[in-house]
Structure formats: structure tokens, C-alpha cells
PDB file of N, CA and C in Angstrom:
ATOM      1  N   MET A   1     -10.921  -3.314 -15.680  1.00  0.00           N
ATOM      2  CA  MET A   1     -11.304  -4.181 -14.564  1.00  0.00           C
ATOM      3  C   MET A   1     -10.446  -3.791 -13.353  1.00  0.00           C
ATOM      4  N   PRO A   2     -11.139  -3.518 -12.216  1.00  0.00           N
ATOM      5  CA  PRO A   2     -10.386  -3.117 -11.022  1.00  0.00           C
ATOM      6  C   PRO A   2      -9.515  -4.252 -10.474  1.00  0.00           C
ATOM      7  N   LYS A   3      -8.461  -3.891  -9.799  1.00  0.00           N
ATOM      8  CA  LYS A   3      -7.613  -4.893  -9.163  1.00  0.00           C
ATOM      9  C   LYS A   3      -8.295  -5.412  -7.939  1.00  0.00           C
ATOM     10  N   LYS A   4      -7.876  -6.541  -7.494  1.00  0.00           N
ATOM     11  CA  LYS A   4      -8.372  -7.116  -6.256  1.00  0.00           C
ATOM     12  C   LYS A   4      -7.549  -6.610  -5.069  1.00  0.00           C
ATOM     13  N   ILE A   5      -8.153  -6.621  -3.909  1.00  0.00           N
ATOM     14  CA  ILE A   5      -7.445  -6.161  -2.702  1.00  0.00           C
ATOM     15  C   ILE A   5      -6.152  -6.942  -2.500  1.00  0.00           C
ATOM     16  N   ARG A   6      -6.202  -8.252  -2.779  1.00  0.00           N
ATOM     17  CA  ARG A   6      -5.004  -9.097  -2.607  1.00  0.00           C
ATOM     18  C   ARG A   6      -3.852  -8.618  -3.507  1.00  0.00           C
ATOM     19  N   GLU A   7      -4.193  -8.096  -4.679  1.00  0.00           N
ATOM     20  CA  GLU A   7      -3.148  -7.622  -5.585  1.00  0.00           C
ATOM     21  C   GLU A   7      -2.486  -6.362  -5.041  1.00  0.00           C
ATOM     22  N   LEU A   8      -3.267  -5.485  -4.455  1.00  0.00           N
ATOM     23  CA  LEU A   8      -2.722  -4.249  -3.863  1.00  0.00           C
ATOM     24  C   LEU A   8      -1.780  -4.619  -2.669  1.00  0.00           C
ATOM     25  N   LYS A   9      -2.258  -5.582  -1.878  1.00  0.00           N
ATOM     26  CA  LYS A   9      -1.450  -6.032  -0.726  1.00  0.00           C
ATOM     27  C   LYS A   9      -0.150  -6.638  -1.201  1.00  0.00           C
ATOM     28  N   SER A  10      -0.223  -7.382  -2.264  1.00  0.00           N
ATOM     29  CA  SER A  10       0.984  -8.022  -2.821  1.00  0.00           C
ATOM     30  C   SER A  10       1.973  -6.966  -3.318  1.00  0.00           C
ATOM     31  N   LEU A  11       1.495  -5.921  -3.981  1.00  0.00           N
ATOM     32  CA  LEU A  11       2.359  -4.857  -4.430  1.00  0.00           C
ATOM     33  C   LEU A  11       3.071  -4.153  -3.231  1.00  0.00           C
ATOM     34  N   LEU A  12       2.294  -3.933  -2.196  1.00  0.00           N
ATOM     35  CA  LEU A  12       2.883  -3.293  -1.013  1.00  0.00           C
ATOM     36  C   LEU A  12       3.943  -4.161  -0.333  1.00  0.00           C
ATOM     37  N   LEU A  13       3.626  -5.479  -0.234  1.00  0.00           N
ATOM     38  CA  LEU A  13       4.593  -6.391   0.365  1.00  0.00           C
ATOM     39  C   LEU A  13       5.898  -6.427  -0.432  1.00  0.00           C
ATOM     40  N   LYS A  14       5.783  -6.499  -1.757  1.00  0.00           N
ATOM     41  CA  LYS A  14       6.971  -6.530  -2.603  1.00  0.00           C
ATOM     42  C   LYS A  14       7.802  -5.274  -2.494  1.00  0.00           C
ATOM     43  N   ALA A  15       7.155  -4.127  -2.185  1.00  0.00           N
ATOM     44  CA  ALA A  15       7.860  -2.877  -2.042  1.00  0.00           C
ATOM     45  C   ALA A  15       8.474  -2.689  -0.666  1.00  0.00           C
ATOM     46  N   GLY A  16       8.221  -3.635   0.237  1.00  0.00           N
ATOM     47  CA  GLY A  16       8.830  -3.584   1.533  1.00  0.00           C
ATOM     48  C   GLY A  16       7.951  -3.049   2.651  1.00  0.00           C
ATOM     49  N   PHE A  17       6.685  -2.898   2.402  1.00  0.00           N
ATOM     50  CA  PHE A  17       5.741  -2.428   3.420  1.00  0.00           C
ATOM     51  C   PHE A  17       5.423  -3.587   4.361  1.00  0.00           C
ATOM     52  N   VAL A  18       5.170  -3.226   5.600  1.00  0.00           N
ATOM     53  CA  VAL A  18       4.682  -4.185   6.601  1.00  0.00           C
ATOM     54  C   VAL A  18       3.331  -3.749   7.084  1.00  0.00           C
ATOM     55  N   TYR A  19       2.541  -4.684   7.585  1.00  0.00           N
ATOM     56  CA  TYR A  19       1.184  -4.288   7.993  1.00  0.00           C
ATOM     57  C   TYR A  19       0.877  -4.730   9.396  1.00  0.00           C
ATOM     58  N   ARG A  20      -0.102  -4.038   9.939  1.00  0.00           N
ATOM     59  CA  ARG A  20      -0.676  -4.374  11.227  1.00  0.00           C
ATOM     60  C   ARG A  20      -2.187  -4.441  11.052  1.00  0.00           C
ATOM     61  N   SER A  21      -2.783  -5.395  11.681  1.00  0.00           N
ATOM     62  CA  SER A  21      -4.243  -5.507  11.626  1.00  0.00           C
ATOM     63  C   SER A  21      -4.875  -4.332  12.319  1.00  0.00           C
ATOM     64  N   ALA A  22      -6.046  -3.970  11.834  1.00  0.00           N
ATOM     65  CA  ALA A  22      -6.849  -2.913  12.423  1.00  0.00           C
ATOM     66  C   ALA A  22      -8.223  -3.501  12.662  1.00  0.00           C
ATOM     67  N   LYS A  23      -9.210  -2.664  12.876  1.00  0.00           N
ATOM     68  CA  LYS A  23     -10.561  -3.171  13.112  1.00  0.00           C
ATOM     69  C   LYS A  23     -11.140  -3.804  11.886  1.00  0.00           C
ATOM     70  N   GLY A  24     -11.813  -4.926  12.084  1.00  0.00           N
ATOM     71  CA  GLY A  24     -12.515  -5.602  10.983  1.00  0.00           C
ATOM     72  C   GLY A  24     -11.615  -5.997   9.907  1.00  0.00           C
ATOM     73  N   SER A  25     -11.934  -5.637   8.686  1.00  0.00           N
ATOM     74  CA  SER A  25     -11.160  -6.030   7.498  1.00  0.00           C
ATOM     75  C   SER A  25     -10.096  -5.002   7.133  1.00  0.00           C
ATOM     76  N   HIS A  26      -9.816  -4.053   8.006  1.00  0.00           N
ATOM     77  CA  HIS A  26      -8.824  -3.029   7.697  1.00  0.00           C
ATOM     78  C   HIS A  26      -7.418  -3.488   8.083  1.00  0.00           C
ATOM     79  N   THR A  27      -6.437  -3.085   7.279  1.00  0.00           N
ATOM     80  CA  THR A  27      -5.049  -3.285   7.607  1.00  0.00           C
ATOM     81  C   THR A  27      -4.317  -1.946   7.363  1.00  0.00           C
ATOM     82  N   ARG A  28      -3.363  -1.649   8.234  1.00  0.00           N
ATOM     83  CA  ARG A  28      -2.572  -0.437   8.153  1.00  0.00           C
ATOM     84  C   ARG A  28      -1.145  -0.853   7.643  1.00  0.00           C
ATOM     85  N   TRP A  29      -0.692  -0.233   6.615  1.00  0.00           N
ATOM     86  CA  TRP A  29       0.577  -0.554   5.946  1.00  0.00           C
ATOM     87  C   TRP A  29       1.580   0.577   6.213  1.00  0.00           C
ATOM     88  N   TYR A  30       2.779   0.189   6.633  1.00  0.00           N
ATOM     89  CA  TYR A  30       3.863   1.118   6.951  1.00  0.00           C
ATOM     90  C   TYR A  30       5.132   0.758   6.195  1.00  0.00           C
ATOM     91  N   HIS A  31       5.931   1.782   5.928  1.00  0.00           N
ATOM     92  CA  HIS A  31       7.253   1.522   5.372  1.00  0.00           C
ATOM     93  C   HIS A  31       8.243   2.385   6.182  1.00  0.00           C
ATOM     94  N   GLU A  32       9.437   1.849   6.370  1.00  0.00           N
ATOM     95  CA  GLU A  32      10.438   2.582   7.195  1.00  0.00           C
ATOM     96  C   GLU A  32      10.838   3.924   6.586  1.00  0.00           C
ATOM     97  N   LEU A  33      10.789   4.026   5.254  1.00  0.00           N
ATOM     98  CA  LEU A  33      11.135   5.308   4.596  1.00  0.00           C
ATOM     99  C   LEU A  33       9.969   6.270   4.609  1.00  0.00           C
ATOM    100  N   LEU A  34       8.783   5.807   4.894  1.00  0.00           N
ATOM    101  CA  LEU A  34       7.595   6.672   4.962  1.00  0.00           C
ATOM    102  C   LEU A  34       6.918   6.489   6.341  1.00  0.00           C
ATOM    103  N   PRO A  35       7.625   6.836   7.414  1.00  0.00           N
ATOM    104  CA  PRO A  35       7.125   6.496   8.729  1.00  0.00           C
ATOM    105  C   PRO A  35       5.818   7.258   9.098  1.00  0.00           C
ATOM    106  N   ASN A  36       5.629   8.441   8.588  1.00  0.00           N
ATOM    107  CA  ASN A  36       4.472   9.268   8.934  1.00  0.00           C
ATOM    108  C   ASN A  36       3.436   9.239   7.835  1.00  0.00           C
ATOM    109  N   ASP A  37       3.495   8.238   6.965  1.00  0.00           N
ATOM    110  CA  ASP A  37       2.612   8.220   5.798  1.00  0.00           C
ATOM    111  C   ASP A  37       2.089   6.823   5.578  1.00  0.00           C
ATOM    112  N   PRO A  38       1.323   6.268   6.537  1.00  0.00           N
ATOM    113  CA  PRO A  38       0.794   4.888   6.382  1.00  0.00           C
ATOM    114  C   PRO A  38      -0.399   4.888   5.383  1.00  0.00           C
ATOM    115  N   ILE A  39      -0.751   3.707   4.963  1.00  0.00           N
ATOM    116  CA  ILE A  39      -1.912   3.567   4.064  1.00  0.00           C
ATOM    117  C   ILE A  39      -2.866   2.522   4.711  1.00  0.00           C
ATOM    118  N   THR A  40      -4.110   2.788   4.676  1.00  0.00           N
ATOM    119  CA  THR A  40      -5.124   1.867   5.223  1.00  0.00           C
ATOM    120  C   THR A  40      -5.831   1.220   4.083  1.00  0.00           C
ATOM    121  N   ILE A  41      -5.885  -0.105   4.108  1.00  0.00           N
ATOM    122  CA  ILE A  41      -6.630  -0.839   3.071  1.00  0.00           C
ATOM    123  C   ILE A  41      -7.761  -1.569   3.765  1.00  0.00           C
ATOM    124  N   SER A  42      -8.945  -1.358   3.249  1.00  0.00           N
ATOM    125  CA  SER A  42     -10.121  -2.039   3.830  1.00  0.00           C
ATOM    126  C   SER A  42     -10.707  -3.007   2.801  1.00  0.00           C
ATOM    127  N   GLY A  43     -11.247  -4.066   3.290  1.00  0.00           N
ATOM    128  CA  GLY A  43     -11.864  -5.056   2.405  1.00  0.00           C
ATOM    129  C   GLY A  43     -11.173  -6.389   2.518  1.00  0.00           C
ATOM    130  N   ASN A  44     -11.895  -7.395   2.055  1.00  0.00           N
ATOM    131  CA  ASN A  44     -11.333  -8.756   2.029  1.00  0.00           C
ATOM    132  C   ASN A  44     -10.551  -8.962   0.768  1.00  0.00           C
ATOM    133  N   ASP A  45      -9.633  -9.955   0.762  1.00  0.00           N
ATOM    134  CA  ASP A  45      -8.710 -10.153  -0.324  1.00  0.00           C
ATOM    135  C   ASP A  45      -9.404 -10.357  -1.653  1.00  0.00           C
ATOM    136  N   GLY A  46     -10.545 -10.949  -1.694  1.00  0.00           N
ATOM    137  CA  GLY A  46     -11.249 -11.228  -2.979  1.00  0.00           C
ATOM    138  C   GLY A  46     -12.104 -10.067  -3.484  1.00  0.00           C
ATOM    139  N   ASP A  47     -12.204  -9.013  -2.695  1.00  0.00           N
ATOM    140  CA  ASP A  47     -13.030  -7.868  -3.091  1.00  0.00           C
ATOM    141  C   ASP A  47     -12.293  -7.049  -4.181  1.00  0.00           C
ATOM    142  N   ASP A  48     -13.109  -6.382  -5.054  1.00  0.00           N
ATOM    143  CA  ASP A  48     -12.537  -5.421  -6.004  1.00  0.00           C
ATOM    144  C   ASP A  48     -12.085  -4.181  -5.212  1.00  0.00           C
ATOM    145  N   ALA A  49     -10.927  -3.651  -5.598  1.00  0.00           N
ATOM    146  CA  ALA A  49     -10.413  -2.431  -4.928  1.00  0.00           C
ATOM    147  C   ALA A  49     -11.177  -1.214  -5.529  1.00  0.00           C
ATOM    148  N   LYS A  50     -11.459  -0.275  -4.662  1.00  0.00           N
ATOM    149  CA  LYS A  50     -12.062   0.958  -5.103  1.00  0.00           C
ATOM    150  C   LYS A  50     -11.016   1.786  -5.851  1.00  0.00           C
ATOM    151  N   PRO A  51     -11.469   2.560  -6.861  1.00  0.00           N
ATOM    152  CA  PRO A  51     -10.496   3.381  -7.658  1.00  0.00           C
ATOM    153  C   PRO A  51      -9.612   4.298  -6.801  1.00  0.00           C
ATOM    154  N   TYR A  52     -10.180   4.866  -5.768  1.00  0.00           N
ATOM    155  CA  TYR A  52      -9.382   5.787  -4.911  1.00  0.00           C
ATOM    156  C   TYR A  52      -8.284   5.011  -4.208  1.00  0.00           C
ATOM    157  N   LEU A  53      -8.541   3.763  -3.837  1.00  0.00           N
ATOM    158  CA  LEU A  53      -7.569   2.941  -3.136  1.00  0.00           C
ATOM    159  C   LEU A  53      -6.414   2.557  -4.042  1.00  0.00           C
ATOM    160  N   GLU A  54      -6.748   2.203  -5.306  1.00  0.00           N
ATOM    161  CA  GLU A  54      -5.687   1.848  -6.279  1.00  0.00           C
ATOM    162  C   GLU A  54      -4.794   3.109  -6.479  1.00  0.00           C
ATOM    163  N   LYS A  55      -5.465   4.260  -6.594  1.00  0.00           N
ATOM    164  CA  LYS A  55      -4.724   5.531  -6.825  1.00  0.00           C
ATOM    165  C   LYS A  55      -3.783   5.810  -5.658  1.00  0.00           C
ATOM    166  N   GLU A  56      -4.280   5.640  -4.435  1.00  0.00           N
ATOM    167  CA  GLU A  56      -3.495   5.904  -3.253  1.00  0.00           C
ATOM    168  C   GLU A  56      -2.303   4.942  -3.177  1.00  0.00           C
ATOM    169  N   VAL A  57      -2.500   3.698  -3.471  1.00  0.00           N
ATOM    170  CA  VAL A  57      -1.370   2.736  -3.421  1.00  0.00           C
ATOM    171  C   VAL A  57      -0.346   3.109  -4.466  1.00  0.00           C
ATOM    172  N   ASN A  58      -0.769   3.481  -5.655  1.00  0.00           N
ATOM    173  CA  ASN A  58       0.165   3.881  -6.716  1.00  0.00           C
ATOM    174  C   ASN A  58       0.928   5.105  -6.337  1.00  0.00           C
ATOM    175  N   GLN A  59       0.281   6.063  -5.669  1.00  0.00           N
ATOM    176  CA  GLN A  59       0.949   7.276  -5.205  1.00  0.00           C
ATOM    177  C   GLN A  59       2.013   6.948  -4.173  1.00  0.00           C
ATOM    178  N   LYS A  60       1.676   6.081  -3.217  1.00  0.00           N
ATOM    179  CA  LYS A  60       2.665   5.710  -2.162  1.00  0.00           C
ATOM    180  C   LYS A  60       3.859   4.989  -2.798  1.00  0.00           C
ATOM    181  N   LEU A  61       3.594   4.090  -3.747  1.00  0.00           N
ATOM    182  CA  LEU A  61       4.699   3.380  -4.373  1.00  0.00           C
ATOM    183  C   LEU A  61       5.587   4.331  -5.172  1.00  0.00           C
ATOM    184  N   ALA A  62       4.995   5.309  -5.841  1.00  0.00           N
ATOM    185  CA  ALA A  62       5.784   6.285  -6.595  1.00  0.00           C
ATOM    186  C   ALA A  62       6.608   7.162  -5.639  1.00  0.00           C
ATOM    187  N   LYS A  63       6.017   7.543  -4.545  1.00  0.00           N
ATOM    188  CA  LYS A  63       6.710   8.344  -3.514  1.00  0.00           C
ATOM    189  C   LYS A  63       7.860   7.574  -2.961  1.00  0.00           C
ATOM    190  N   LEU A  64       7.678   6.313  -2.650  1.00  0.00           N
ATOM    191  CA  LEU A  64       8.726   5.450  -2.132  1.00  0.00           C
ATOM    192  C   LEU A  64       9.869   5.301  -3.154  1.00  0.00           C
ATOM    193  N   LYS A  65       9.513   5.105  -4.411  1.00  0.00           N
ATOM    194  CA  LYS A  65      10.533   4.969  -5.434  1.00  0.00           C
ATOM    195  C   LYS A  65      11.356   6.229  -5.557  1.00  0.00           C
ATOM    196  N   ALA A  66      10.721   7.380  -5.495  1.00  0.00           N
ATOM    197  CA  ALA A  66      11.450   8.692  -5.565  1.00  0.00           C
ATOM    198  C   ALA A  66      12.451   8.802  -4.409  1.00  0.00           C
ATOM    199  N   ILE A  67      12.034   8.392  -3.212  1.00  0.00           N
ATOM    200  CA  ILE A  67      12.901   8.446  -2.026  1.00  0.00           C
ATOM    201  C   ILE A  67      14.071   7.498  -2.226  1.00  0.00           C
ATOM    202  N   GLN A  68      13.795   6.285  -2.710  1.00  0.00           N
ATOM    203  CA  GLN A  68      14.849   5.322  -2.897  1.00  0.00           C
ATOM    204  C   GLN A  68      15.840   5.776  -3.982  1.00  0.00           C
ATOM    205  N   ASP A  69      15.329   6.416  -5.029  1.00  0.00           N
ATOM    206  CA  ASP A  69      16.195   6.911  -6.075  1.00  0.00           C
ATOM    207  C   ASP A  69      17.104   8.049  -5.527  1.00  0.00           C
ATOM    208  N   GLU A  70      16.598   8.885  -4.657  1.00  0.00           N
ATOM    209  CA  GLU A  70      17.373   9.968  -4.043  1.00  0.00           C
ATOM    210  C   GLU A  70      18.488   9.355  -3.200  1.00  0.00           C
ATOM    211  N   GLU A  71      18.181   8.320  -2.462  1.00  0.00           N
ATOM    212  CA  GLU A  71      19.169   7.710  -1.577  1.00  0.00           C
ATOM    213  C   GLU A  71      20.289   7.019  -2.351  1.00  0.00           C
ATOM    214  N   SER A  72      19.974   6.515  -3.523  1.00  0.00           N
ATOM    215  CA  SER A  72      20.968   5.783  -4.295  1.00  0.00           C
ATOM    216  C   SER A  72      21.955   6.680  -5.008  1.00  0.00           C
ATOM    217  N   GLU A  73      21.600   7.953  -5.078  1.00  0.00           N
ATOM    218  CA  GLU A  73      22.513   8.893  -5.803  1.00  0.00           C
ATOM    219  C   GLU A  73      23.646   9.315  -4.951  1.00  0.00           C
TER     220      GLU A  73
END
């Protein structure tokens, strides 16, 4: 069962991402450690997330974790 858009947004918020509204139902998510690598999420909170969007969010979170692990060493 696909995740809901609100679940993806919650994961990003917990990881320290901030968002800015864009056109319509789109939001752009940024993180200070990934300044040139924002993610755009489209859809309303109750919508099912598309598989590519779940994959992109997971990739960004993994990339962020790798950067944070490097900094802590």
C-alpha cells in the first residue's frame, strides 16, 4: 500500500527539511546540508504518493544521513 503525501512530508520535517509553497498543491523542500538538491512534492496530504516520489524521498533521506554520518566522524 503506498504511503500518503502527509507521511512523506512528515518524514522530511523530522529529518530537518523546511518547505516553501509553490504553485497549486506543490511544495519545495530544502535542507541546509543539501542546498542544491531540493525535492518537490505534489499532491494533497490525503493523496497516495506515487512510487517515484517515495523513492526520491528515500534517496534524499539516505543522502542526508550519509552526509550527517561523515560530519560526525
